[in-house]
Protein backbone atom coordinates (compact mmCIF):
# COMPACT_ATOMS: atom_id res chain seq x y z
CA UNK A 1 45.54 56.21 61.26
CA UNK A 2 45.58 52.80 62.96
CA UNK A 3 47.09 54.34 66.10
CA UNK A 4 44.39 57.02 66.17
CA UNK A 5 41.71 54.35 65.71
CA UNK A 6 43.15 52.28 68.55
CA UNK A 7 43.32 55.34 70.81
CA UNK A 8 39.69 56.19 70.05
CA UNK A 9 38.54 52.62 70.63
CA UNK A 10 40.41 52.56 73.94
CA UNK A 11 38.67 55.66 75.32
CA UNK A 12 36.86 54.34 78.38
CA UNK A 13 33.35 55.16 79.51
CA UNK A 14 33.08 57.30 82.61
CA UNK A 15 33.72 55.22 85.71
CA UNK A 16 31.60 55.68 88.86
CA UNK A 17 32.67 58.12 91.54
CA UNK A 18 31.16 59.23 94.84
CA UNK A 19 30.44 62.63 93.30
CA UNK A 20 28.42 61.15 90.43
CA UNK A 21 26.45 58.85 92.76
CA UNK A 22 25.50 61.01 95.77
CA UNK A 23 22.18 59.26 96.37
CA UNK A 24 22.85 56.13 98.50
CA UNK A 25 19.91 54.20 97.02
CA UNK A 26 21.08 54.83 93.48
CA UNK A 27 24.66 54.08 94.56
CA UNK A 28 23.87 50.65 95.95
CA UNK A 29 21.61 49.82 93.03
CA UNK A 30 24.35 50.76 90.57
CA UNK A 31 26.81 48.55 92.47
CA UNK A 32 24.84 45.49 91.31
CA UNK A 33 25.72 46.38 87.68
CA UNK A 34 22.05 46.39 86.56
CA UNK A 35 22.90 46.83 82.87
CA UNK A 36 24.28 43.29 82.84
CA UNK A 37 21.35 41.58 84.57
CA UNK A 38 19.49 41.17 81.27
CA UNK A 39 20.93 37.69 80.74
CA UNK A 40 19.21 36.52 83.93
CA UNK A 41 15.90 38.01 82.81
CA UNK A 42 16.25 36.19 79.47
CA UNK A 43 17.11 32.91 81.19
CA UNK A 44 13.97 33.24 83.32
CA UNK A 45 11.90 33.90 80.19
CA UNK A 46 13.24 30.70 78.63
CA UNK A 47 12.19 28.74 81.72
CA UNK A 48 8.75 30.33 81.78
CA UNK A 49 8.34 29.59 78.08
CA UNK A 50 9.30 25.91 78.44
CA UNK A 51 6.67 25.53 81.16
CA UNK A 52 4.09 27.24 78.96
CA UNK A 53 5.11 25.06 76.01
CA UNK A 54 4.61 22.05 78.28
CA UNK A 55 0.98 23.01 78.75
CA UNK A 56 1.16 24.80 82.09
CA UNK A 57 -0.66 28.14 82.37
CA UNK A 58 1.51 31.12 83.27
CA UNK A 59 1.09 32.11 86.92
CA UNK A 60 1.95 35.79 86.82
CA UNK A 61 2.61 36.27 90.55
CA UNK A 62 5.07 33.37 90.70
CA UNK A 63 6.69 34.44 87.45
CA UNK A 64 7.30 38.00 88.66
CA UNK A 65 8.65 36.75 91.99
CA UNK A 66 10.96 34.34 90.20
CA UNK A 67 12.33 37.06 87.92
CA UNK A 68 12.78 39.59 90.74
CA UNK A 69 14.66 37.27 93.06
CA UNK A 70 16.75 35.80 90.23
CA UNK A 71 17.82 39.35 89.33
CA UNK A 72 18.54 40.05 93.01
CA UNK A 73 20.69 36.90 93.18
CA UNK A 74 22.63 37.90 90.06
CA UNK A 75 23.16 41.40 91.43
CA UNK A 76 24.40 39.99 94.72
CA UNK A 77 26.82 37.67 92.96
CA UNK A 78 28.12 40.61 90.89
CA UNK A 79 28.83 42.52 94.10
CA UNK A 80 30.48 39.51 95.73
CA UNK A 81 32.64 39.05 92.63
CA UNK A 82 33.83 42.66 92.98
CA UNK A 83 34.52 42.06 96.66
CA UNK A 84 36.77 39.06 96.03
CA UNK A 85 38.47 40.64 93.00
CA UNK A 86 39.40 43.52 95.31
CA UNK A 87 40.84 40.98 97.74
CA UNK A 88 43.00 39.27 95.13
CA UNK A 89 44.04 42.58 93.59
CA UNK A 90 43.10 41.80 89.99
CA UNK A 91 40.75 44.78 89.55
CA UNK A 92 43.22 47.23 91.09
CA UNK A 93 45.96 45.95 88.77
CA UNK A 94 43.79 46.10 85.65
CA UNK A 95 45.22 48.73 83.29
CA UNK A 96 43.73 47.37 80.05
CA UNK A 97 40.13 47.17 81.27
CA UNK A 98 37.28 48.18 79.00
CA UNK A 99 34.78 49.79 81.34
CA UNK A 100 31.95 48.98 81.92
CA UNK A 101 32.45 45.51 80.45
CA UNK A 102 35.64 44.34 82.14
CA UNK A 103 37.70 45.15 85.22
CA UNK A 104 34.78 45.11 87.66
CA UNK A 105 32.40 47.87 88.70
CA UNK A 106 35.29 50.07 90.01
CA UNK A 107 33.20 50.94 93.07
CA UNK A 108 35.88 49.80 95.50
CA UNK A 109 38.85 51.07 93.50
CA UNK A 110 37.26 54.53 93.04
CA UNK A 111 36.13 54.87 96.66
CA UNK A 112 32.40 54.76 95.92
CA UNK A 113 31.87 51.95 98.45
CA UNK A 114 34.38 50.35 100.77
CA UNK A 115 35.39 46.75 100.29
CA UNK A 116 33.71 45.85 103.58
CA UNK A 117 30.42 47.48 102.57
CA UNK A 118 30.47 45.74 99.20
CA UNK A 119 30.94 42.40 100.93
CA UNK A 120 28.11 43.01 103.38
CA UNK A 121 25.81 44.25 100.62
CA UNK A 122 26.48 41.27 98.38
CA UNK A 123 25.93 38.68 101.08
CA UNK A 124 22.82 40.52 102.31
CA UNK A 125 21.27 40.15 98.86
CA UNK A 126 22.06 36.43 98.81
CA UNK A 127 20.48 36.04 102.26
CA UNK A 128 17.26 37.71 101.08
CA UNK A 129 17.21 35.45 98.01
CA UNK A 130 17.55 32.36 100.21
CA UNK A 131 14.55 33.46 102.32
CA UNK A 132 12.53 34.12 99.15
CA UNK A 133 13.54 30.71 97.84
CA UNK A 134 11.96 29.06 100.88
CA UNK A 135 8.66 30.77 100.04
CA UNK A 136 8.87 29.80 96.38
CA UNK A 137 9.64 26.26 97.45
CA UNK A 138 6.44 26.17 99.52
CA UNK A 139 4.29 27.23 96.57
CA UNK A 140 6.01 25.06 93.96
CA UNK A 141 7.83 22.03 95.37
CA UNK A 142 10.77 20.93 97.57
CA UNK A 143 13.05 20.16 94.63
CA UNK A 144 13.40 23.90 94.07
CA UNK A 145 15.56 24.01 97.20
CA UNK A 146 18.29 22.00 95.51
CA UNK A 147 18.09 23.91 92.24
CA UNK A 148 18.39 27.20 94.12
CA UNK A 149 21.14 26.10 96.48
CA UNK A 150 23.27 24.68 93.69
CA UNK A 151 22.77 27.84 91.64
CA UNK A 152 23.79 30.12 94.52
CA UNK A 153 26.72 27.88 95.37
CA UNK A 154 28.03 27.97 91.81
CA UNK A 155 27.66 31.76 91.71
CA UNK A 156 29.50 32.12 95.02
CA UNK A 157 32.22 29.59 94.15
CA UNK A 158 32.90 31.39 90.86
CA UNK A 159 34.99 34.02 92.67
CA UNK A 160 35.06 33.19 96.38
CA UNK A 161 37.91 31.30 98.01
CA UNK A 162 38.78 28.56 98.54
CA UNK A 163 37.25 27.32 95.25
CA UNK A 164 37.60 30.44 93.04
CA UNK A 165 36.49 28.54 89.95
CA UNK A 166 37.29 31.44 87.64
CA UNK A 167 40.92 31.31 88.79
CA UNK A 168 41.24 27.62 87.93
CA UNK A 169 39.93 27.66 84.36
CA UNK A 170 36.47 26.50 85.50
CA UNK A 171 34.73 29.85 85.20
CA UNK A 172 32.98 29.09 81.91
CA UNK A 173 31.56 25.71 83.02
CA UNK A 174 30.32 27.43 86.19
CA UNK A 175 28.52 30.07 84.13
CA UNK A 176 26.94 27.43 81.88
CA UNK A 177 25.73 25.52 84.95
CA UNK A 178 24.44 28.66 86.67
CA UNK A 179 22.37 30.01 83.81
CA UNK A 180 21.00 26.59 82.89
CA UNK A 181 19.86 26.29 86.51
CA UNK A 182 18.06 29.65 86.29
CA UNK A 183 15.98 28.42 83.35
CA UNK A 184 15.29 25.12 85.11
CA UNK A 185 14.27 26.92 88.30
CA UNK A 186 11.91 29.32 86.51
CA UNK A 187 10.26 26.36 84.78
CA UNK A 188 9.95 24.42 88.03
CA UNK A 189 8.18 27.25 89.85
CA UNK A 190 5.48 27.17 87.16
CA UNK A 191 5.38 23.44 86.56
CA UNK A 192 5.82 22.19 90.14
CA UNK A 193 7.91 19.25 88.97
CA UNK A 194 11.29 18.59 87.42
CA UNK A 195 11.32 18.35 83.61
CA UNK A 196 14.14 17.79 81.13
CA UNK A 197 13.07 20.43 78.59
CA UNK A 198 14.17 23.58 80.48
CA UNK A 199 17.63 22.10 81.03
CA UNK A 200 17.99 21.35 77.32
CA UNK A 201 16.51 24.68 76.20
CA UNK A 202 18.54 26.67 78.72
CA UNK A 203 21.87 25.13 77.76
CA UNK A 204 22.43 26.88 74.38
CA UNK A 205 21.67 30.24 75.96
CA UNK A 206 23.93 29.50 78.94
CA UNK A 207 26.79 28.78 76.51
CA UNK A 208 26.37 32.23 74.98
CA UNK A 209 26.35 33.80 78.46
CA UNK A 210 29.62 31.98 79.16
CA UNK A 211 30.96 33.46 75.95
CA UNK A 212 30.47 36.94 77.40
CA UNK A 213 32.64 36.06 80.36
CA UNK A 214 35.12 34.37 78.04
CA UNK A 215 35.68 37.33 75.74
CA UNK A 216 35.93 39.65 78.75
CA UNK A 217 39.00 37.71 79.88
CA UNK A 218 41.08 39.11 77.01
CA UNK A 219 41.29 42.73 78.24
CA UNK A 220 41.69 41.39 81.80
CA UNK A 221 44.40 38.85 80.93
CA UNK A 222 47.44 40.72 82.22
CA UNK A 223 45.78 41.72 85.49
CA UNK A 224 44.40 38.21 86.00
CA UNK A 225 47.81 36.67 85.45
CA UNK A 226 49.46 39.08 87.91
CA UNK A 227 46.86 38.17 90.55
CA UNK A 228 47.31 34.43 90.00
CA UNK A 229 43.98 33.95 88.26
CA UNK A 230 44.59 31.09 85.84
CA UNK A 231 41.67 31.70 83.50
CA UNK A 232 41.48 29.86 80.19
CA UNK A 233 42.82 32.90 78.36
CA UNK A 234 45.77 33.14 80.75
CA UNK A 235 46.45 29.41 80.40
CA UNK A 236 46.14 29.21 76.61
CA UNK A 237 47.47 32.61 75.61
CA UNK A 238 45.46 35.13 73.57
CA UNK A 239 46.16 33.72 70.10
CA UNK A 240 45.12 30.14 70.86
CA UNK A 241 42.31 31.18 73.21
CA UNK A 242 40.75 33.53 70.67
CA UNK A 243 39.31 30.58 68.74
CA UNK A 244 37.39 29.49 71.83
CA UNK A 245 34.83 32.27 71.40
CA UNK A 246 33.86 30.93 67.98
CA UNK A 247 33.81 27.34 69.23
CA UNK A 248 31.49 28.11 72.14
CA UNK A 249 29.11 30.05 69.89
CA UNK A 250 28.99 27.29 67.27
CA UNK A 251 28.23 24.72 69.98
CA UNK A 252 25.33 26.88 71.17
CA UNK A 253 23.70 27.35 67.78
CA UNK A 254 24.32 23.72 66.80
CA UNK A 255 22.58 22.64 70.01
CA UNK A 256 19.51 24.74 69.15
CA UNK A 257 19.26 23.30 65.66
CA UNK A 258 19.84 19.75 66.89
CA UNK A 259 17.10 20.08 69.50
CA UNK A 260 14.73 21.37 66.81
CA UNK A 261 15.73 18.59 64.39
CA UNK A 262 15.02 16.00 67.10
CA UNK A 263 11.58 17.58 67.75
CA UNK A 264 12.57 18.40 71.33
CA UNK A 265 12.13 22.10 70.62
CA UNK A 266 9.48 23.48 68.24
CA UNK A 267 10.48 24.75 64.82
CA UNK A 268 9.91 28.34 65.94
CA UNK A 269 12.71 27.94 68.48
CA UNK A 270 15.21 27.71 65.61
CA UNK A 271 14.94 31.50 65.52
CA UNK A 272 17.41 31.45 68.39
CA UNK A 273 20.11 30.66 65.82
CA UNK A 274 19.42 33.93 63.98
CA UNK A 275 21.86 35.64 66.35
CA UNK A 276 24.75 33.75 64.74
CA UNK A 277 25.98 36.76 62.68
CA UNK A 278 26.59 38.74 65.87
CA UNK A 279 28.61 35.89 67.36
CA UNK A 280 30.51 35.23 64.15
CA UNK A 281 31.59 38.83 63.59
CA UNK A 282 32.55 39.19 67.25
CA UNK A 283 34.65 36.02 67.08
CA UNK A 284 36.30 37.13 63.86
CA UNK A 285 37.23 40.47 65.42
CA UNK A 286 38.56 38.75 68.54
CA UNK A 287 40.75 36.40 66.48
CA UNK A 288 42.15 39.40 64.59
CA UNK A 289 42.80 41.57 67.67
CA UNK A 290 43.29 39.14 70.57
CA UNK A 291 46.51 40.90 71.57
CA UNK A 292 45.02 44.40 71.34
CA UNK A 293 42.34 44.76 74.03
CA UNK A 294 41.66 48.38 73.11
CA UNK A 295 40.14 47.19 69.82
CA UNK A 296 37.69 44.73 71.39
CA UNK A 297 34.74 46.85 72.67
CA UNK A 298 32.74 46.18 69.50
CA UNK A 299 33.31 42.44 69.73
CA UNK A 300 32.29 42.43 73.41
CA UNK A 301 29.10 44.36 72.64
CA UNK A 302 28.13 41.99 69.84
CA UNK A 303 28.77 38.99 72.09
CA UNK A 304 26.34 40.47 74.63
CA UNK A 305 23.79 41.22 71.90
CA UNK A 306 24.11 37.67 70.55
CA UNK A 307 23.36 36.09 73.91
CA UNK A 308 20.35 38.26 74.67
CA UNK A 309 18.93 38.10 71.15
CA UNK A 310 19.32 34.34 70.86
CA UNK A 311 17.71 33.73 74.24
CA UNK A 312 14.80 36.06 73.57
CA UNK A 313 14.11 34.51 70.17
CA UNK A 314 14.29 31.03 71.67
CA UNK A 315 11.83 31.99 74.42
CA UNK A 316 9.51 33.63 71.88
CA UNK A 317 9.61 30.55 69.67
CA UNK A 318 8.62 28.34 72.61
CA UNK A 319 5.83 30.72 73.61
CA UNK A 320 4.42 30.87 70.07
CA UNK A 321 4.34 27.07 69.88
CA UNK A 322 2.64 26.68 73.27
CA UNK A 323 -0.80 25.03 73.23
CA UNK A 324 -3.91 27.11 73.79
CA UNK A 325 -5.40 26.72 77.27
């Protein structure tokens, strides 16, 4: 019965092929992995909510532009990550992947787009985002330039040589920095000045986003190791590393409650900790099955749900506590 359960859990979702994506517009859009861009939308909402909580009226046009170009940047970084994972061979070597969560988009490996086209497409998106950032900087303030450049640099350095932060065990800190910067940038566009609150409010959510990348390393461990990617899971081994998922989650929820207790965040923001059961059950399942990637889809899904739910509840709590204008 256990073998049948494992076989069922391991059944992959249908991977993309050229036949299933004949429309070039749909094909390129799908290459950005749009289903996973929700964490960037949530991070933007946290930043918009901190600005609103700080007494700044929501400027809809700037907010929509911020969200759109943040999503475009995330999509571009996803494509670039696929491009460099094709270069180092980790995606091609991945036999234990859980599609669509791990092992890349499979666009290059399945012949949907060539490696060269993926590279051009990814960098083209980043170029458009940089141009848009110059406009947003004009309507908000020059400090946005540095927030945006650092964010793009971290996203690029995550997978691109020579830094390849994910290959050196620095992938999770890079993700925490990147998604904290998104919240800070969204706040700055509204506020027009640097404030501490979006950095503090964005950090717990960014930790949960990092947890998604962390748990995804377990099915990818063998392929990563064969390609020389020294991720934390490769370095620590699955049994020891499995406790990291719980530790990261607990740090996130503890940070939310501490910020509320110190009156930095409003009491409503404590709702962000309500996602703890999703994180806890996912971590428990990971600890039990760290050496059996085929049994981890449920844990991966709950880790994604935890991040999005916590961030949305945190943003809603900030918005509800915002002063009337």
